[in-house]
Amino acid sequence: MNHRISTTNEPDPLLLRSAKNGDHKAFSKIVKQYESLIYSFAFKVCRNKDKASETLQDTFVNVYRKLDQFDHRSKFTTWLYSIVTNNCLMKNRRTKLEGASLSFDEIESPGDLHRTHAHHEHSIHEWKSTPIDKVMNKELRDLLDEAIRKLPYEYRLVFILRDIEGQSAEETAKILKLTVPAVKSRLRRARIFLREQLNEYMEA
């Protein structure tokens, strides 16, 4: 199952309108629609389960407070990605990103994240079947995982959004508030860095 926030996976307009008007059931449906996607992306960026869970909760607090500010000038998913990214960046500024020992294969449910919805038992599924790891064996995935952890944070974000999440250069630029040339430059440098890190394996 692909957990990227698909550009076609936009919320139902009526559902979004109801949530904007204070309908808590409608907002809960939006939470259910996007929570596994947000957790998965946050984990890839933060590289820590606790931080990913915190980012998930912080993101929906932000969405709840700012939903009436969403003006439809961008896709809802682009707006959502921006909020997740900002929360990850704030966490990164507070504490240096620590080298995580977990690989992308180890994503699991963040547990009961919504105390007001004790009945909700939605599981966060494993992240898999992205374009990259369709063609990778486990050894190469582990090496790539380690190399991604070494990427400077701003390059990691661009690489994850473009090459793992499958976002376009234009959408990535909107999410990160960069120019398209800046996105392309950072992606090129990230790919060069990763290729150098994996060069010994690829030539073996």
N, C-alpha and C. Protein backbone atom coordinates (compact mmCIF):
# COMPACT_ATOMS: atom_id res chain seq x y z
N MET A 1 0.84 -1.20 0.00
CA MET A 1 0.00 0.00 0.00
C MET A 1 0.88 1.25 0.00
N ASN A 2 0.63 2.18 -0.90
CA ASN A 2 1.42 3.37 -1.03
C ASN A 2 0.89 4.44 -0.09
N HIS A 3 1.76 4.98 0.76
CA HIS A 3 1.32 5.94 1.77
C HIS A 3 1.68 7.37 1.42
N ARG A 4 2.05 7.65 0.21
CA ARG A 4 2.30 9.02 -0.16
C ARG A 4 0.99 9.79 -0.17
N ILE A 5 1.07 11.09 0.10
CA ILE A 5 -0.12 11.92 0.02
C ILE A 5 -0.35 12.20 -1.45
N SER A 6 -1.21 11.43 -2.05
CA SER A 6 -1.42 11.50 -3.49
C SER A 6 -2.02 12.83 -3.89
N THR A 7 -1.58 13.34 -5.04
CA THR A 7 -2.13 14.59 -5.54
C THR A 7 -3.59 14.42 -5.94
N THR A 8 -4.05 13.17 -6.12
CA THR A 8 -5.45 12.93 -6.45
C THR A 8 -6.27 12.64 -5.21
N ASN A 9 -5.64 12.55 -4.07
CA ASN A 9 -6.33 12.19 -2.83
C ASN A 9 -6.78 13.44 -2.08
N GLU A 10 -7.50 14.30 -2.77
CA GLU A 10 -7.99 15.52 -2.16
C GLU A 10 -9.28 15.22 -1.38
N PRO A 11 -9.53 15.97 -0.30
CA PRO A 11 -10.74 15.71 0.49
C PRO A 11 -12.00 16.11 -0.29
N ASP A 12 -13.10 15.47 0.05
CA ASP A 12 -14.37 15.82 -0.56
C ASP A 12 -14.70 17.27 -0.21
N PRO A 13 -15.04 18.10 -1.21
CA PRO A 13 -15.32 19.53 -0.95
C PRO A 13 -16.39 19.76 0.10
N LEU A 14 -17.45 18.94 0.09
CA LEU A 14 -18.51 19.09 1.08
C LEU A 14 -18.02 18.75 2.48
N LEU A 15 -17.17 17.71 2.56
CA LEU A 15 -16.59 17.32 3.84
C LEU A 15 -15.71 18.44 4.38
N LEU A 16 -14.90 19.00 3.51
CA LEU A 16 -14.01 20.09 3.91
C LEU A 16 -14.81 21.31 4.35
N ARG A 17 -15.87 21.63 3.63
CA ARG A 17 -16.71 22.76 3.98
C ARG A 17 -17.37 22.55 5.35
N SER A 18 -17.84 21.33 5.59
CA SER A 18 -18.48 21.02 6.89
C SER A 18 -17.47 21.15 8.02
N ALA A 19 -16.25 20.65 7.79
CA ALA A 19 -15.21 20.74 8.81
C ALA A 19 -14.87 22.21 9.10
N LYS A 20 -14.82 23.02 8.06
CA LYS A 20 -14.55 24.46 8.22
C LYS A 20 -15.65 25.13 9.05
N ASN A 21 -16.86 24.61 8.93
CA ASN A 21 -18.01 25.18 9.64
C ASN A 21 -18.16 24.63 11.05
N GLY A 22 -17.16 23.86 11.51
CA GLY A 22 -17.16 23.38 12.88
C GLY A 22 -17.76 22.01 13.10
N ASP A 23 -17.98 21.25 12.04
CA ASP A 23 -18.53 19.90 12.16
C ASP A 23 -17.41 18.96 12.60
N HIS A 24 -17.45 18.51 13.86
CA HIS A 24 -16.38 17.68 14.41
C HIS A 24 -16.33 16.31 13.75
N LYS A 25 -17.47 15.78 13.36
CA LYS A 25 -17.48 14.48 12.68
C LYS A 25 -16.78 14.57 11.34
N ALA A 26 -17.01 15.66 10.64
CA ALA A 26 -16.36 15.87 9.34
C ALA A 26 -14.85 15.99 9.53
N PHE A 27 -14.45 16.73 10.57
CA PHE A 27 -13.01 16.87 10.82
C PHE A 27 -12.38 15.52 11.18
N SER A 28 -13.10 14.70 11.95
CA SER A 28 -12.60 13.38 12.31
C SER A 28 -12.38 12.51 11.07
N LYS A 29 -13.26 12.68 10.08
CA LYS A 29 -13.11 11.92 8.83
C LYS A 29 -11.86 12.36 8.09
N ILE A 30 -11.56 13.66 8.13
CA ILE A 30 -10.34 14.16 7.50
C ILE A 30 -9.11 13.61 8.22
N VAL A 31 -9.18 13.55 9.55
CA VAL A 31 -8.09 12.97 10.33
C VAL A 31 -7.84 11.53 9.90
N LYS A 32 -8.91 10.75 9.81
CA LYS A 32 -8.78 9.34 9.43
C LYS A 32 -8.21 9.19 8.02
N GLN A 33 -8.59 10.12 7.14
CA GLN A 33 -8.15 10.04 5.74
C GLN A 33 -6.64 10.27 5.61
N TYR A 34 -6.09 11.14 6.48
CA TYR A 34 -4.70 11.56 6.28
C TYR A 34 -3.72 11.17 7.38
N GLU A 35 -4.17 10.59 8.48
CA GLU A 35 -3.24 10.40 9.59
C GLU A 35 -2.11 9.42 9.28
N SER A 36 -2.38 8.34 8.57
CA SER A 36 -1.31 7.40 8.27
C SER A 36 -0.31 8.01 7.29
N LEU A 37 -0.81 8.83 6.39
CA LEU A 37 0.06 9.49 5.42
C LEU A 37 0.97 10.50 6.11
N ILE A 38 0.41 11.26 7.03
CA ILE A 38 1.19 12.26 7.76
C ILE A 38 2.24 11.60 8.63
N TYR A 39 1.84 10.54 9.33
CA TYR A 39 2.80 9.85 10.20
C TYR A 39 3.95 9.29 9.38
N SER A 40 3.63 8.68 8.26
CA SER A 40 4.66 8.09 7.41
C SER A 40 5.66 9.14 6.92
N PHE A 41 5.14 10.26 6.43
CA PHE A 41 6.02 11.33 5.96
C PHE A 41 6.84 11.91 7.10
N ALA A 42 6.21 12.15 8.25
CA ALA A 42 6.91 12.71 9.40
C ALA A 42 8.03 11.78 9.86
N PHE A 43 7.78 10.48 9.82
CA PHE A 43 8.81 9.53 10.23
C PHE A 43 10.01 9.58 9.28
N LYS A 44 9.74 9.66 7.99
CA LYS A 44 10.82 9.70 7.01
C LYS A 44 11.70 10.93 7.22
N VAL A 45 11.08 12.04 7.63
CA VAL A 45 11.83 13.28 7.83
C VAL A 45 12.49 13.31 9.20
N CYS A 46 11.73 13.02 10.25
CA CYS A 46 12.23 13.11 11.62
C CYS A 46 13.13 11.94 12.01
N ARG A 47 12.88 10.76 11.40
CA ARG A 47 13.65 9.55 11.64
C ARG A 47 13.57 9.09 13.10
N ASN A 48 12.45 9.34 13.72
CA ASN A 48 12.25 8.99 15.12
C ASN A 48 10.75 8.81 15.34
N LYS A 49 10.37 7.68 15.94
CA LYS A 49 8.95 7.38 16.10
C LYS A 49 8.24 8.36 17.01
N ASP A 50 8.89 8.74 18.12
CA ASP A 50 8.25 9.67 19.04
C ASP A 50 8.03 11.03 18.38
N LYS A 51 9.06 11.50 17.65
CA LYS A 51 8.93 12.79 16.97
C LYS A 51 7.87 12.73 15.88
N ALA A 52 7.79 11.60 15.20
CA ALA A 52 6.77 11.44 14.17
C ALA A 52 5.37 11.48 14.77
N SER A 53 5.20 10.83 15.92
CA SER A 53 3.90 10.84 16.60
C SER A 53 3.54 12.24 17.08
N GLU A 54 4.54 12.95 17.63
CA GLU A 54 4.31 14.32 18.08
C GLU A 54 3.94 15.22 16.90
N THR A 55 4.64 15.01 15.78
CA THR A 55 4.36 15.81 14.59
C THR A 55 2.96 15.54 14.07
N LEU A 56 2.53 14.29 14.13
CA LEU A 56 1.18 13.94 13.71
C LEU A 56 0.15 14.70 14.54
N GLN A 57 0.32 14.68 15.84
CA GLN A 57 -0.62 15.37 16.71
C GLN A 57 -0.58 16.88 16.51
N ASP A 58 0.64 17.43 16.44
CA ASP A 58 0.80 18.87 16.24
C ASP A 58 0.17 19.32 14.92
N THR A 59 0.33 18.49 13.89
CA THR A 59 -0.20 18.84 12.57
C THR A 59 -1.71 18.97 12.61
N PHE A 60 -2.39 18.02 13.24
CA PHE A 60 -3.85 18.10 13.27
C PHE A 60 -4.35 19.20 14.19
N VAL A 61 -3.58 19.55 15.21
CA VAL A 61 -3.93 20.72 16.02
C VAL A 61 -3.87 21.97 15.13
N ASN A 62 -2.78 22.07 14.35
CA ASN A 62 -2.63 23.21 13.43
C ASN A 62 -3.73 23.23 12.38
N VAL A 63 -4.04 22.08 11.81
CA VAL A 63 -5.09 22.00 10.79
C VAL A 63 -6.43 22.44 11.38
N TYR A 64 -6.73 21.98 12.58
CA TYR A 64 -8.00 22.33 13.23
C TYR A 64 -8.09 23.84 13.45
N ARG A 65 -6.99 24.43 13.89
CA ARG A 65 -6.99 25.86 14.19
C ARG A 65 -6.99 26.73 12.93
N LYS A 66 -6.39 26.23 11.86
CA LYS A 66 -6.18 27.06 10.67
C LYS A 66 -7.02 26.65 9.47
N LEU A 67 -7.92 25.69 9.67
CA LEU A 67 -8.67 25.18 8.53
C LEU A 67 -9.44 26.27 7.81
N ASP A 68 -9.96 27.23 8.56
CA ASP A 68 -10.72 28.31 7.92
C ASP A 68 -9.83 29.23 7.10
N GLN A 69 -8.50 29.11 7.28
CA GLN A 69 -7.55 29.92 6.51
C GLN A 69 -7.17 29.28 5.18
N PHE A 70 -7.54 28.01 5.00
CA PHE A 70 -7.22 27.35 3.74
C PHE A 70 -8.08 27.98 2.65
N ASP A 71 -7.42 28.59 1.66
CA ASP A 71 -8.13 29.40 0.66
C ASP A 71 -8.24 28.74 -0.71
N HIS A 72 -7.82 27.48 -0.80
CA HIS A 72 -7.93 26.71 -2.05
C HIS A 72 -7.02 27.23 -3.17
N ARG A 73 -6.09 28.11 -2.84
CA ARG A 73 -5.15 28.58 -3.86
C ARG A 73 -4.15 27.48 -4.22
N SER A 74 -3.93 26.59 -3.28
CA SER A 74 -3.10 25.41 -3.53
C SER A 74 -3.95 24.17 -3.24
N LYS A 75 -3.43 23.03 -3.57
CA LYS A 75 -4.12 21.79 -3.23
C LYS A 75 -4.13 21.63 -1.71
N PHE A 76 -5.15 20.99 -1.21
CA PHE A 76 -5.23 20.75 0.23
C PHE A 76 -4.02 19.93 0.67
N THR A 77 -3.63 18.97 -0.14
CA THR A 77 -2.50 18.11 0.22
C THR A 77 -1.20 18.89 0.26
N THR A 78 -1.05 19.88 -0.62
CA THR A 78 0.15 20.73 -0.58
C THR A 78 0.17 21.53 0.71
N TRP A 79 -0.97 22.08 1.07
CA TRP A 79 -1.10 22.84 2.32
C TRP A 79 -0.78 21.94 3.51
N LEU A 80 -1.26 20.72 3.46
CA LEU A 80 -1.03 19.76 4.55
C LEU A 80 0.46 19.42 4.65
N TYR A 81 1.09 19.14 3.52
CA TYR A 81 2.52 18.87 3.51
C TYR A 81 3.30 20.03 4.12
N SER A 82 2.89 21.26 3.82
CA SER A 82 3.59 22.43 4.35
C SER A 82 3.53 22.47 5.87
N ILE A 83 2.37 22.14 6.43
CA ILE A 83 2.22 22.14 7.88
C ILE A 83 3.10 21.06 8.51
N VAL A 84 3.09 19.87 7.93
CA VAL A 84 3.93 18.78 8.45
C VAL A 84 5.40 19.19 8.40
N THR A 85 5.81 19.75 7.27
CA THR A 85 7.21 20.16 7.10
C THR A 85 7.60 21.22 8.11
N ASN A 86 6.74 22.20 8.33
CA ASN A 86 7.03 23.25 9.31
C ASN A 86 7.18 22.67 10.72
N ASN A 87 6.31 21.73 11.06
CA ASN A 87 6.41 21.11 12.38
C ASN A 87 7.71 20.32 12.54
N CYS A 88 8.10 19.62 11.47
CA CYS A 88 9.37 18.87 11.51
C CYS A 88 10.55 19.83 11.64
N LEU A 89 10.49 20.95 10.93
CA LEU A 89 11.57 21.93 10.98
C LEU A 89 11.69 22.54 12.38
N MET A 90 10.56 22.82 13.00
CA MET A 90 10.59 23.38 14.35
C MET A 90 11.22 22.41 15.34
N LYS A 91 10.88 21.12 15.19
CA LYS A 91 11.46 20.12 16.07
C LYS A 91 12.96 20.01 15.82
N ASN A 92 13.35 20.15 14.56
CA ASN A 92 14.77 20.06 14.23
C ASN A 92 15.55 21.24 14.78
N ARG A 93 14.91 22.41 14.83
CA ARG A 93 15.59 23.58 15.38
C ARG A 93 15.75 23.47 16.90
N ARG A 94 14.77 22.86 17.56
CA ARG A 94 14.83 22.74 19.02
C ARG A 94 15.91 21.76 19.46
N THR A 95 16.02 20.69 18.75
CA THR A 95 17.03 19.69 19.09
C THR A 95 17.66 19.19 17.81
N LYS A 96 18.97 19.02 17.82
CA LYS A 96 19.66 18.53 16.63
C LYS A 96 19.10 17.17 16.26
N LEU A 97 18.94 16.97 14.98
CA LEU A 97 18.41 15.70 14.51
C LEU A 97 19.40 14.61 14.87
N GLU A 98 18.94 13.63 15.64
CA GLU A 98 19.80 12.55 16.08
C GLU A 98 19.82 11.44 15.05
N GLY A 99 20.95 10.78 14.96
CA GLY A 99 21.04 9.64 14.06
C GLY A 99 20.14 8.53 14.56
N ALA A 100 19.14 8.18 13.78
CA ALA A 100 18.19 7.15 14.20
C ALA A 100 18.70 5.78 13.83
N SER A 101 18.34 4.80 14.62
CA SER A 101 18.76 3.43 14.34
C SER A 101 17.68 2.67 13.60
N LEU A 102 16.53 3.33 13.35
CA LEU A 102 15.42 2.66 12.70
C LEU A 102 15.49 2.87 11.20
N SER A 103 15.10 1.85 10.45
CA SER A 103 15.06 1.98 9.00
C SER A 103 13.64 2.28 8.57
N PHE A 104 13.47 2.64 7.29
CA PHE A 104 12.15 2.93 6.78
C PHE A 104 11.22 1.73 6.92
N ASP A 105 11.78 0.51 6.97
CA ASP A 105 10.97 -0.69 7.05
C ASP A 105 10.30 -0.86 8.41
N GLU A 106 10.71 -0.07 9.41
CA GLU A 106 10.26 -0.30 10.78
C GLU A 106 9.14 0.62 11.22
N ILE A 107 8.53 1.33 10.30
CA ILE A 107 7.42 2.20 10.67
C ILE A 107 6.26 1.37 11.21
N GLU A 108 5.72 1.77 12.33
CA GLU A 108 4.57 1.05 12.89
C GLU A 108 3.58 2.06 13.45
N SER A 109 2.51 1.55 13.98
CA SER A 109 1.45 2.42 14.48
C SER A 109 1.96 3.32 15.60
N PRO A 110 1.59 4.62 15.57
CA PRO A 110 1.97 5.51 16.66
C PRO A 110 1.13 5.28 17.90
N GLY A 111 0.17 4.36 17.85
CA GLY A 111 -0.63 4.04 19.02
C GLY A 111 -1.86 4.91 19.14
N ASP A 112 -2.36 5.03 20.34
CA ASP A 112 -3.57 5.81 20.57
C ASP A 112 -3.20 7.28 20.64
N LEU A 113 -3.37 7.98 19.51
CA LEU A 113 -2.93 9.36 19.42
C LEU A 113 -4.05 10.35 19.67
N HIS A 114 -5.26 9.85 19.73
CA HIS A 114 -6.41 10.76 19.89
C HIS A 114 -7.22 10.31 21.10
N ARG A 115 -6.90 10.86 22.26
CA ARG A 115 -7.54 10.43 23.50
C ARG A 115 -9.04 10.70 23.49
N THR A 116 -9.45 11.70 22.74
CA THR A 116 -10.88 12.00 22.70
C THR A 116 -11.63 11.04 21.81
N HIS A 117 -10.90 10.19 21.11
CA HIS A 117 -11.52 9.18 20.24
C HIS A 117 -10.98 7.81 20.64
N ALA A 118 -11.33 7.40 21.89
CA ALA A 118 -10.78 6.16 22.43
C ALA A 118 -11.20 4.95 21.62
N HIS A 119 -12.30 5.09 20.90
CA HIS A 119 -12.80 3.95 20.14
C HIS A 119 -12.01 3.75 18.86
N HIS A 120 -11.22 4.75 18.47
CA HIS A 120 -10.54 4.70 17.17
C HIS A 120 -9.32 3.80 17.25
N GLU A 121 -9.28 2.77 16.43
CA GLU A 121 -8.18 1.81 16.48
C GLU A 121 -7.50 1.69 15.12
N HIS A 122 -7.49 2.78 14.40
CA HIS A 122 -6.90 2.76 13.06
C HIS A 122 -5.40 2.50 13.16
N SER A 123 -4.89 1.56 12.40
CA SER A 123 -3.47 1.23 12.44
C SER A 123 -2.72 1.98 11.34
N ILE A 124 -1.50 2.38 11.66
CA ILE A 124 -0.64 2.97 10.66
C ILE A 124 0.09 1.82 9.97
N HIS A 125 -0.16 1.66 8.69
CA HIS A 125 0.43 0.55 7.96
C HIS A 125 1.88 0.81 7.63
N GLU A 126 2.59 -0.24 7.27
CA GLU A 126 3.99 -0.10 6.90
C GLU A 126 4.12 0.70 5.62
N TRP A 127 5.18 1.49 5.59
CA TRP A 127 5.48 2.24 4.37
C TRP A 127 6.19 1.32 3.40
N LYS A 128 5.65 1.13 2.23
CA LYS A 128 6.28 0.26 1.26
C LYS A 128 5.78 0.59 -0.13
N SER A 129 6.37 -0.05 -1.13
CA SER A 129 5.96 0.09 -2.52
C SER A 129 6.11 1.51 -3.05
N THR A 130 7.13 2.24 -2.58
CA THR A 130 7.43 3.52 -3.18
C THR A 130 8.25 3.27 -4.44
N PRO A 131 8.36 4.25 -5.32
CA PRO A 131 9.12 4.02 -6.55
C PRO A 131 10.54 3.55 -6.32
N ILE A 132 11.19 4.06 -5.25
CA ILE A 132 12.57 3.68 -5.01
C ILE A 132 12.70 2.23 -4.59
N ASP A 133 11.97 1.82 -3.53
CA ASP A 133 12.25 0.49 -3.01
C ASP A 133 11.58 -0.63 -3.79
N LYS A 134 10.87 -0.30 -4.87
CA LYS A 134 10.40 -1.35 -5.75
C LYS A 134 11.57 -2.06 -6.43
N VAL A 135 12.66 -1.33 -6.62
CA VAL A 135 13.79 -1.88 -7.36
C VAL A 135 14.99 -2.14 -6.45
N MET A 136 14.77 -2.15 -5.16
CA MET A 136 15.88 -2.33 -4.23
C MET A 136 15.76 -3.61 -3.43
N ASN A 137 16.91 -4.21 -3.15
CA ASN A 137 16.91 -5.28 -2.18
C ASN A 137 17.14 -4.67 -0.80
N LYS A 138 17.01 -5.48 0.23
CA LYS A 138 17.07 -4.93 1.59
C LYS A 138 18.43 -4.32 1.91
N GLU A 139 19.50 -4.94 1.43
CA GLU A 139 20.83 -4.42 1.72
C GLU A 139 21.01 -3.01 1.16
N LEU A 140 20.56 -2.81 -0.08
CA LEU A 140 20.68 -1.49 -0.69
C LEU A 140 19.77 -0.49 -0.01
N ARG A 141 18.56 -0.92 0.39
CA ARG A 141 17.66 -0.02 1.13
C ARG A 141 18.29 0.44 2.43
N ASP A 142 18.94 -0.50 3.13
CA ASP A 142 19.59 -0.14 4.40
C ASP A 142 20.71 0.86 4.18
N LEU A 143 21.48 0.66 3.11
CA LEU A 143 22.57 1.58 2.80
C LEU A 143 22.03 2.95 2.42
N LEU A 144 20.95 2.97 1.64
CA LEU A 144 20.34 4.23 1.26
C LEU A 144 19.77 4.93 2.49
N ASP A 145 19.16 4.15 3.35
CA ASP A 145 18.58 4.69 4.58
C ASP A 145 19.65 5.40 5.41
N GLU A 146 20.80 4.75 5.55
CA GLU A 146 21.91 5.34 6.30
C GLU A 146 22.42 6.60 5.61
N ALA A 147 22.49 6.57 4.28
CA ALA A 147 22.98 7.73 3.54
C ALA A 147 22.01 8.91 3.66
N ILE A 148 20.70 8.63 3.64
CA ILE A 148 19.70 9.69 3.77
C ILE A 148 19.82 10.37 5.13
N ARG A 149 20.14 9.60 6.18
CA ARG A 149 20.30 10.18 7.51
C ARG A 149 21.45 11.19 7.54
N LYS A 150 22.42 11.01 6.65
CA LYS A 150 23.60 11.89 6.63
C LYS A 150 23.35 13.16 5.83
N LEU A 151 22.27 13.19 5.06
CA LEU A 151 21.98 14.37 4.25
C LEU A 151 21.69 15.58 5.14
N PRO A 152 22.21 16.76 4.79
CA PRO A 152 21.78 17.97 5.50
C PRO A 152 20.26 18.08 5.43
N TYR A 153 19.67 18.63 6.47
CA TYR A 153 18.22 18.59 6.62
C TYR A 153 17.48 19.17 5.43
N GLU A 154 17.95 20.32 4.92
CA GLU A 154 17.24 20.97 3.83
C GLU A 154 17.29 20.15 2.54
N TYR A 155 18.37 19.39 2.36
CA TYR A 155 18.47 18.53 1.19
C TYR A 155 17.65 17.26 1.39
N ARG A 156 17.61 16.79 2.62
CA ARG A 156 16.80 15.60 2.92
C ARG A 156 15.33 15.85 2.61
N LEU A 157 14.84 17.02 3.02
CA LEU A 157 13.43 17.35 2.77
C LEU A 157 13.12 17.33 1.27
N VAL A 158 13.98 17.95 0.48
CA VAL A 158 13.75 17.98 -0.97
C VAL A 158 13.81 16.58 -1.55
N PHE A 159 14.79 15.79 -1.14
CA PHE A 159 14.92 14.44 -1.66
C PHE A 159 13.71 13.59 -1.32
N ILE A 160 13.25 13.67 -0.08
CA ILE A 160 12.10 12.87 0.34
C ILE A 160 10.84 13.29 -0.42
N LEU A 161 10.62 14.59 -0.52
CA LEU A 161 9.42 15.05 -1.21
C LEU A 161 9.44 14.69 -2.69
N ARG A 162 10.60 14.83 -3.34
CA ARG A 162 10.66 14.58 -4.78
C ARG A 162 10.81 13.10 -5.12
N ASP A 163 11.79 12.43 -4.52
CA ASP A 163 12.12 11.07 -4.96
C ASP A 163 11.45 9.97 -4.16
N ILE A 164 10.91 10.28 -3.00
CA ILE A 164 10.22 9.26 -2.21
C ILE A 164 8.71 9.51 -2.20
N GLU A 165 8.33 10.76 -1.95
CA GLU A 165 6.91 11.08 -1.94
C GLU A 165 6.35 11.29 -3.35
N GLY A 166 7.22 11.52 -4.32
CA GLY A 166 6.77 11.66 -5.69
C GLY A 166 6.15 13.00 -6.03
N GLN A 167 6.45 14.05 -5.24
CA GLN A 167 5.92 15.38 -5.53
C GLN A 167 6.68 16.01 -6.70
N SER A 168 6.02 16.85 -7.44
CA SER A 168 6.66 17.55 -8.55
C SER A 168 7.57 18.64 -8.00
N ALA A 169 8.44 19.15 -8.87
CA ALA A 169 9.33 20.25 -8.45
C ALA A 169 8.49 21.47 -8.05
N GLU A 170 7.41 21.70 -8.79
CA GLU A 170 6.55 22.85 -8.51
C GLU A 170 5.86 22.71 -7.15
N GLU A 171 5.30 21.53 -6.87
CA GLU A 171 4.63 21.32 -5.58
C GLU A 171 5.63 21.37 -4.43
N THR A 172 6.82 20.79 -4.64
CA THR A 172 7.86 20.82 -3.61
C THR A 172 8.26 22.26 -3.31
N ALA A 173 8.37 23.08 -4.34
CA ALA A 173 8.71 24.49 -4.16
C ALA A 173 7.65 25.20 -3.32
N LYS A 174 6.36 24.90 -3.58
CA LYS A 174 5.28 25.52 -2.80
C LYS A 174 5.35 25.07 -1.35
N ILE A 175 5.57 23.78 -1.15
CA ILE A 175 5.60 23.22 0.21
C ILE A 175 6.73 23.83 1.04
N LEU A 176 7.91 23.96 0.42
CA LEU A 176 9.09 24.44 1.14
C LEU A 176 9.32 25.93 1.00
N LYS A 177 8.43 26.59 0.23
CA LYS A 177 8.57 28.03 -0.01
C LYS A 177 9.93 28.36 -0.63
N LEU A 178 10.25 27.61 -1.66
CA LEU A 178 11.48 27.81 -2.42
C LEU A 178 11.12 28.09 -3.87
N THR A 179 12.11 28.49 -4.65
CA THR A 179 11.91 28.59 -6.08
C THR A 179 12.11 27.20 -6.69
N VAL A 180 11.56 26.99 -7.86
CA VAL A 180 11.75 25.71 -8.54
C VAL A 180 13.24 25.46 -8.82
N PRO A 181 14.00 26.46 -9.29
CA PRO A 181 15.44 26.23 -9.49
C PRO A 181 16.16 25.81 -8.21
N ALA A 182 15.75 26.38 -7.07
CA ALA A 182 16.38 26.01 -5.79
C ALA A 182 16.07 24.56 -5.45
N VAL A 183 14.84 24.13 -5.71
CA VAL A 183 14.46 22.73 -5.48
C VAL A 183 15.30 21.81 -6.35
N LYS A 184 15.42 22.15 -7.62
CA LYS A 184 16.19 21.31 -8.55
C LYS A 184 17.66 21.26 -8.16
N SER A 185 18.20 22.38 -7.71
CA SER A 185 19.60 22.42 -7.29
C SER A 185 19.83 21.54 -6.06
N ARG A 186 18.95 21.66 -5.07
CA ARG A 186 19.10 20.85 -3.86
C ARG A 186 18.91 19.37 -4.15
N LEU A 187 17.97 19.07 -5.02
CA LEU A 187 17.75 17.66 -5.37
C LEU A 187 18.97 17.10 -6.09
N ARG A 188 19.54 17.87 -6.99
CA ARG A 188 20.72 17.40 -7.72
C ARG A 188 21.88 17.14 -6.75
N ARG A 189 22.08 18.04 -5.81
CA ARG A 189 23.17 17.86 -4.83
C ARG A 189 22.89 16.66 -3.92
N ALA A 190 21.63 16.49 -3.54
CA ALA A 190 21.27 15.35 -2.69
C ALA A 190 21.53 14.04 -3.42
N ARG A 191 21.16 13.98 -4.70
CA ARG A 191 21.38 12.76 -5.48
C ARG A 191 22.86 12.46 -5.66
N ILE A 192 23.65 13.52 -5.89
CA ILE A 192 25.09 13.33 -6.03
C ILE A 192 25.68 12.78 -4.74
N PHE A 193 25.27 13.37 -3.62
CA PHE A 193 25.76 12.90 -2.32
C PHE A 193 25.40 11.44 -2.09
N LEU A 194 24.15 11.08 -2.36
CA LEU A 194 23.70 9.71 -2.14
C LEU A 194 24.40 8.74 -3.09
N ARG A 195 24.60 9.18 -4.33
CA ARG A 195 25.29 8.32 -5.29
C ARG A 195 26.73 8.05 -4.83
N GLU A 196 27.38 9.07 -4.30
CA GLU A 196 28.73 8.89 -3.79
C GLU A 196 28.75 7.95 -2.59
N GLN A 197 27.73 8.07 -1.73
CA GLN A 197 27.65 7.19 -0.57
C GLN A 197 27.44 5.73 -0.96
N LEU A 198 26.71 5.52 -2.07
CA LEU A 198 26.36 4.17 -2.50
C LEU A 198 27.30 3.66 -3.59
N ASN A 199 28.28 4.47 -3.96
CA ASN A 199 29.15 4.14 -5.11
C ASN A 199 29.87 2.81 -4.93
N GLU A 200 30.39 2.58 -3.72
CA GLU A 200 31.14 1.34 -3.48
C GLU A 200 30.26 0.12 -3.65
N TYR A 201 29.01 0.22 -3.17
CA TYR A 201 28.09 -0.91 -3.32
C TYR A 201 27.74 -1.14 -4.78
N MET A 202 27.46 -0.05 -5.49
CA MET A 202 27.02 -0.17 -6.88
C MET A 202 28.12 -0.72 -7.78
N GLU A 203 29.39 -0.47 -7.41
CA GLU A 203 30.51 -0.94 -8.24
C GLU A 203 30.97 -2.33 -7.84
N ALA A 204 30.45 -2.85 -6.73
CA ALA A 204 30.88 -4.17 -6.26
C ALA A 204 30.36 -5.27 -7.18
